[in-house]
N, C-alpha and C. Protein backbone atom coordinates (compact mmCIF):
# COMPACT_ATOMS: atom_id res chain seq x y z
N MET A 1 -77.56 -20.89 21.97
CA MET A 1 -78.65 -21.68 22.55
C MET A 1 -78.55 -23.14 22.11
N ASN A 2 -78.25 -23.38 20.83
CA ASN A 2 -78.21 -24.75 20.30
C ASN A 2 -77.14 -25.60 20.97
N GLU A 3 -76.06 -24.94 21.47
CA GLU A 3 -74.99 -25.73 22.07
C GLU A 3 -75.48 -26.49 23.31
N LEU A 4 -76.63 -26.12 23.83
CA LEU A 4 -77.20 -26.82 24.98
C LEU A 4 -78.00 -28.06 24.56
N LEU A 5 -78.19 -28.23 23.26
CA LEU A 5 -79.03 -29.32 22.79
C LEU A 5 -78.20 -30.49 22.28
N THR A 6 -78.60 -31.68 22.66
CA THR A 6 -77.99 -32.88 22.10
C THR A 6 -78.57 -33.08 20.71
N ALA A 7 -77.94 -33.92 19.93
CA ALA A 7 -78.45 -34.23 18.59
C ALA A 7 -79.86 -34.81 18.70
N SER A 8 -80.08 -35.60 19.73
CA SER A 8 -81.39 -36.20 19.94
C SER A 8 -82.46 -35.13 20.19
N LEU A 9 -82.15 -34.16 21.05
CA LEU A 9 -83.12 -33.10 21.33
C LEU A 9 -83.36 -32.25 20.09
N GLU A 10 -82.31 -32.05 19.29
CA GLU A 10 -82.49 -31.33 18.04
C GLU A 10 -83.48 -32.07 17.15
N ASP A 11 -83.37 -33.41 17.11
CA ASP A 11 -84.30 -34.21 16.30
C ASP A 11 -85.74 -34.06 16.78
N TYR A 12 -85.92 -34.04 18.11
CA TYR A 12 -87.27 -33.85 18.65
C TYR A 12 -87.82 -32.48 18.26
N LEU A 13 -86.99 -31.46 18.38
CA LEU A 13 -87.41 -30.10 18.04
C LEU A 13 -87.78 -30.00 16.56
N GLU A 14 -86.97 -30.61 15.72
CA GLU A 14 -87.24 -30.61 14.28
C GLU A 14 -88.55 -31.36 13.99
N ALA A 15 -88.75 -32.49 14.65
CA ALA A 15 -89.98 -33.26 14.45
C ALA A 15 -91.21 -32.44 14.87
N ILE A 16 -91.12 -31.78 16.01
CA ILE A 16 -92.24 -30.95 16.48
C ILE A 16 -92.55 -29.86 15.46
N PHE A 17 -91.51 -29.21 14.95
CA PHE A 17 -91.69 -28.15 13.96
C PHE A 17 -92.43 -28.69 12.73
N HIS A 18 -91.98 -29.83 12.21
CA HIS A 18 -92.60 -30.39 11.01
C HIS A 18 -94.02 -30.87 11.26
N ILE A 19 -94.28 -31.44 12.41
CA ILE A 19 -95.64 -31.90 12.73
C ILE A 19 -96.57 -30.69 12.82
N ILE A 20 -96.11 -29.59 13.42
CA ILE A 20 -96.93 -28.37 13.49
C ILE A 20 -97.24 -27.86 12.09
N GLU A 21 -96.27 -27.97 11.18
CA GLU A 21 -96.51 -27.56 9.79
C GLU A 21 -97.60 -28.43 9.15
N ASP A 22 -97.56 -29.74 9.44
CA ASP A 22 -98.51 -30.68 8.84
C ASP A 22 -99.90 -30.55 9.44
N LYS A 23 -99.96 -30.51 10.75
CA LYS A 23 -101.24 -30.38 11.45
C LYS A 23 -101.00 -29.56 12.70
N GLN A 24 -101.81 -28.60 12.95
CA GLN A 24 -101.56 -27.58 13.98
C GLN A 24 -101.10 -28.13 15.33
N GLY A 25 -101.73 -29.19 15.82
CA GLY A 25 -101.41 -29.68 17.15
C GLY A 25 -100.44 -30.83 17.15
N VAL A 26 -99.59 -30.86 18.16
CA VAL A 26 -98.63 -31.96 18.32
C VAL A 26 -98.92 -32.67 19.63
N LYS A 27 -99.02 -33.98 19.55
CA LYS A 27 -99.17 -34.80 20.74
C LYS A 27 -97.95 -35.71 20.84
N PRO A 28 -97.62 -36.14 22.06
CA PRO A 28 -96.44 -37.01 22.21
C PRO A 28 -96.47 -38.24 21.29
N LYS A 29 -97.66 -38.81 21.08
CA LYS A 29 -97.71 -40.02 20.23
C LYS A 29 -97.34 -39.71 18.78
N ASP A 30 -97.62 -38.47 18.33
CA ASP A 30 -97.22 -38.06 16.97
C ASP A 30 -95.70 -38.06 16.85
N ILE A 31 -95.05 -37.55 17.89
CA ILE A 31 -93.59 -37.48 17.90
C ILE A 31 -92.99 -38.88 17.96
N ALA A 32 -93.55 -39.72 18.83
CA ALA A 32 -93.06 -41.10 18.97
C ALA A 32 -93.15 -41.83 17.64
N LYS A 33 -94.27 -41.65 16.95
CA LYS A 33 -94.49 -42.32 15.67
C LYS A 33 -93.49 -41.81 14.62
N ARG A 34 -93.32 -40.50 14.56
CA ARG A 34 -92.43 -39.91 13.55
C ARG A 34 -90.97 -40.30 13.77
N LEU A 35 -90.53 -40.31 15.03
CA LEU A 35 -89.13 -40.62 15.34
C LEU A 35 -88.90 -42.10 15.64
N LYS A 36 -89.98 -42.88 15.67
CA LYS A 36 -89.88 -44.31 15.96
C LYS A 36 -89.19 -44.57 17.30
N VAL A 37 -89.71 -43.88 18.33
CA VAL A 37 -89.19 -44.04 19.69
C VAL A 37 -90.35 -44.32 20.64
N SER A 38 -90.02 -44.68 21.87
CA SER A 38 -91.06 -45.00 22.85
C SER A 38 -91.69 -43.73 23.42
N ALA A 39 -92.87 -43.88 23.96
CA ALA A 39 -93.56 -42.75 24.59
C ALA A 39 -92.74 -42.21 25.76
N ALA A 40 -92.06 -43.11 26.49
CA ALA A 40 -91.25 -42.68 27.63
C ALA A 40 -90.08 -41.80 27.17
N SER A 41 -89.47 -42.15 26.04
CA SER A 41 -88.39 -41.34 25.49
C SER A 41 -88.89 -39.95 25.14
N VAL A 42 -90.07 -39.90 24.54
CA VAL A 42 -90.66 -38.62 24.14
C VAL A 42 -90.91 -37.76 25.38
N THR A 43 -91.48 -38.35 26.42
CA THR A 43 -91.78 -37.59 27.63
C THR A 43 -90.51 -36.96 28.22
N GLY A 44 -89.44 -37.73 28.28
CA GLY A 44 -88.17 -37.21 28.81
C GLY A 44 -87.65 -36.05 27.97
N ALA A 45 -87.71 -36.21 26.66
CA ALA A 45 -87.23 -35.15 25.76
C ALA A 45 -88.10 -33.91 25.88
N LEU A 46 -89.41 -34.09 25.98
CA LEU A 46 -90.32 -32.95 26.09
C LEU A 46 -90.05 -32.17 27.38
N ARG A 47 -89.81 -32.89 28.45
CA ARG A 47 -89.51 -32.21 29.73
C ARG A 47 -88.23 -31.39 29.59
N SER A 48 -87.24 -31.97 28.95
CA SER A 48 -85.96 -31.29 28.78
C SER A 48 -86.11 -30.05 27.90
N LEU A 49 -86.85 -30.17 26.81
CA LEU A 49 -87.07 -29.02 25.91
C LEU A 49 -87.90 -27.94 26.62
N ALA A 50 -88.85 -28.35 27.44
CA ALA A 50 -89.66 -27.39 28.20
C ALA A 50 -88.79 -26.67 29.23
N ASP A 51 -87.88 -27.41 29.89
CA ASP A 51 -86.96 -26.80 30.86
C ASP A 51 -86.09 -25.74 30.20
N LYS A 52 -85.76 -25.96 28.93
CA LYS A 52 -84.92 -25.01 28.19
C LYS A 52 -85.77 -23.90 27.56
N LYS A 53 -87.07 -23.90 27.86
CA LYS A 53 -88.01 -22.88 27.35
C LYS A 53 -88.12 -22.88 25.83
N LEU A 54 -87.99 -24.07 25.21
CA LEU A 54 -88.09 -24.17 23.76
C LEU A 54 -89.48 -24.63 23.33
N ILE A 55 -90.20 -25.28 24.24
CA ILE A 55 -91.57 -25.71 23.93
C ILE A 55 -92.47 -25.42 25.13
N ASN A 56 -93.77 -25.36 24.83
CA ASN A 56 -94.78 -25.30 25.88
C ASN A 56 -95.31 -26.73 25.99
N TYR A 57 -95.14 -27.31 27.16
CA TYR A 57 -95.54 -28.71 27.34
C TYR A 57 -96.18 -28.92 28.69
N ALA A 58 -97.32 -29.56 28.67
CA ALA A 58 -97.97 -30.04 29.88
C ALA A 58 -98.57 -31.40 29.52
N PRO A 59 -98.49 -32.37 30.44
CA PRO A 59 -99.04 -33.69 30.12
C PRO A 59 -100.49 -33.58 29.64
N TYR A 60 -100.83 -34.38 28.65
CA TYR A 60 -102.18 -34.45 28.07
C TYR A 60 -102.62 -33.18 27.35
N ASP A 61 -101.66 -32.30 27.05
CA ASP A 61 -102.00 -31.07 26.35
C ASP A 61 -101.25 -31.03 25.02
N ILE A 62 -101.67 -30.14 24.14
CA ILE A 62 -101.01 -29.96 22.86
C ILE A 62 -99.65 -29.29 23.10
N ILE A 63 -98.65 -29.73 22.34
CA ILE A 63 -97.30 -29.19 22.47
C ILE A 63 -97.12 -28.09 21.43
N THR A 64 -96.57 -26.96 21.86
CA THR A 64 -96.29 -25.87 20.93
C THR A 64 -94.85 -25.40 21.13
N LEU A 65 -94.31 -24.79 20.10
CA LEU A 65 -92.97 -24.20 20.19
C LEU A 65 -93.08 -22.80 20.77
N THR A 66 -92.13 -22.44 21.60
CA THR A 66 -92.03 -21.05 22.05
C THR A 66 -91.38 -20.27 20.89
N PRO A 67 -91.42 -18.94 20.92
CA PRO A 67 -90.75 -18.19 19.85
C PRO A 67 -89.27 -18.58 19.72
N SER A 68 -88.56 -18.72 20.84
CA SER A 68 -87.15 -19.11 20.75
C SER A 68 -87.02 -20.56 20.28
N GLY A 69 -87.97 -21.41 20.65
CA GLY A 69 -87.96 -22.80 20.19
C GLY A 69 -88.13 -22.88 18.68
N LYS A 70 -88.99 -22.02 18.14
CA LYS A 70 -89.21 -22.00 16.69
C LYS A 70 -87.93 -21.56 15.98
N GLU A 71 -87.27 -20.55 16.54
CA GLU A 71 -86.01 -20.06 15.97
C GLU A 71 -84.95 -21.16 15.96
N VAL A 72 -84.80 -21.84 17.09
CA VAL A 72 -83.80 -22.91 17.19
C VAL A 72 -84.16 -24.04 16.23
N ALA A 73 -85.43 -24.40 16.15
CA ALA A 73 -85.87 -25.47 15.25
C ALA A 73 -85.53 -25.12 13.80
N GLN A 74 -85.80 -23.89 13.41
CA GLN A 74 -85.50 -23.47 12.03
C GLN A 74 -84.00 -23.52 11.76
N ASP A 75 -83.20 -23.15 12.75
CA ASP A 75 -81.76 -23.20 12.61
C ASP A 75 -81.29 -24.66 12.46
N VAL A 76 -81.85 -25.55 13.27
CA VAL A 76 -81.50 -26.98 13.19
C VAL A 76 -81.86 -27.51 11.81
N ILE A 77 -83.05 -27.17 11.33
CA ILE A 77 -83.50 -27.65 10.02
C ILE A 77 -82.57 -27.15 8.92
N ARG A 78 -82.19 -25.87 8.99
CA ARG A 78 -81.26 -25.31 7.99
C ARG A 78 -79.94 -26.07 8.00
N ARG A 79 -79.40 -26.31 9.19
CA ARG A 79 -78.13 -27.04 9.28
C ARG A 79 -78.26 -28.46 8.76
N HIS A 80 -79.36 -29.13 9.08
CA HIS A 80 -79.57 -30.50 8.59
C HIS A 80 -79.70 -30.52 7.08
N GLU A 81 -80.37 -29.50 6.51
CA GLU A 81 -80.52 -29.45 5.04
C GLU A 81 -79.17 -29.23 4.38
N VAL A 82 -78.34 -28.36 4.96
CA VAL A 82 -77.01 -28.11 4.41
C VAL A 82 -76.19 -29.39 4.43
N LEU A 83 -76.23 -30.10 5.56
CA LEU A 83 -75.49 -31.37 5.66
C LEU A 83 -76.01 -32.39 4.66
N ARG A 84 -77.33 -32.49 4.54
CA ARG A 84 -77.91 -33.47 3.62
C ARG A 84 -77.51 -33.13 2.18
N ASP A 85 -77.55 -31.84 1.82
CA ASP A 85 -77.18 -31.43 0.48
C ASP A 85 -75.69 -31.68 0.22
N PHE A 86 -74.88 -31.50 1.27
CA PHE A 86 -73.44 -31.70 1.15
C PHE A 86 -73.12 -33.17 0.87
N PHE A 87 -73.80 -34.06 1.58
CA PHE A 87 -73.55 -35.49 1.42
C PHE A 87 -74.49 -36.05 0.39
């Protein structure tokens, strides 16, 4: 499943996962602030992640991870932690 994700989409998925941990609901502006990107960039990424069935997304609604989205996010986080620890 992850092979379909760009590094950028992995970053969005990881950000969504961490924001959900911090505060239950995720809004596009939370993601934009965390990743320091524009709202338009966030919207495009959210649509792409929703198309891949990794998040539940509707404009003006709270964003949630699907069960498979949560799995992929955890895998991305594990890989990023391994790389960070390695370097």
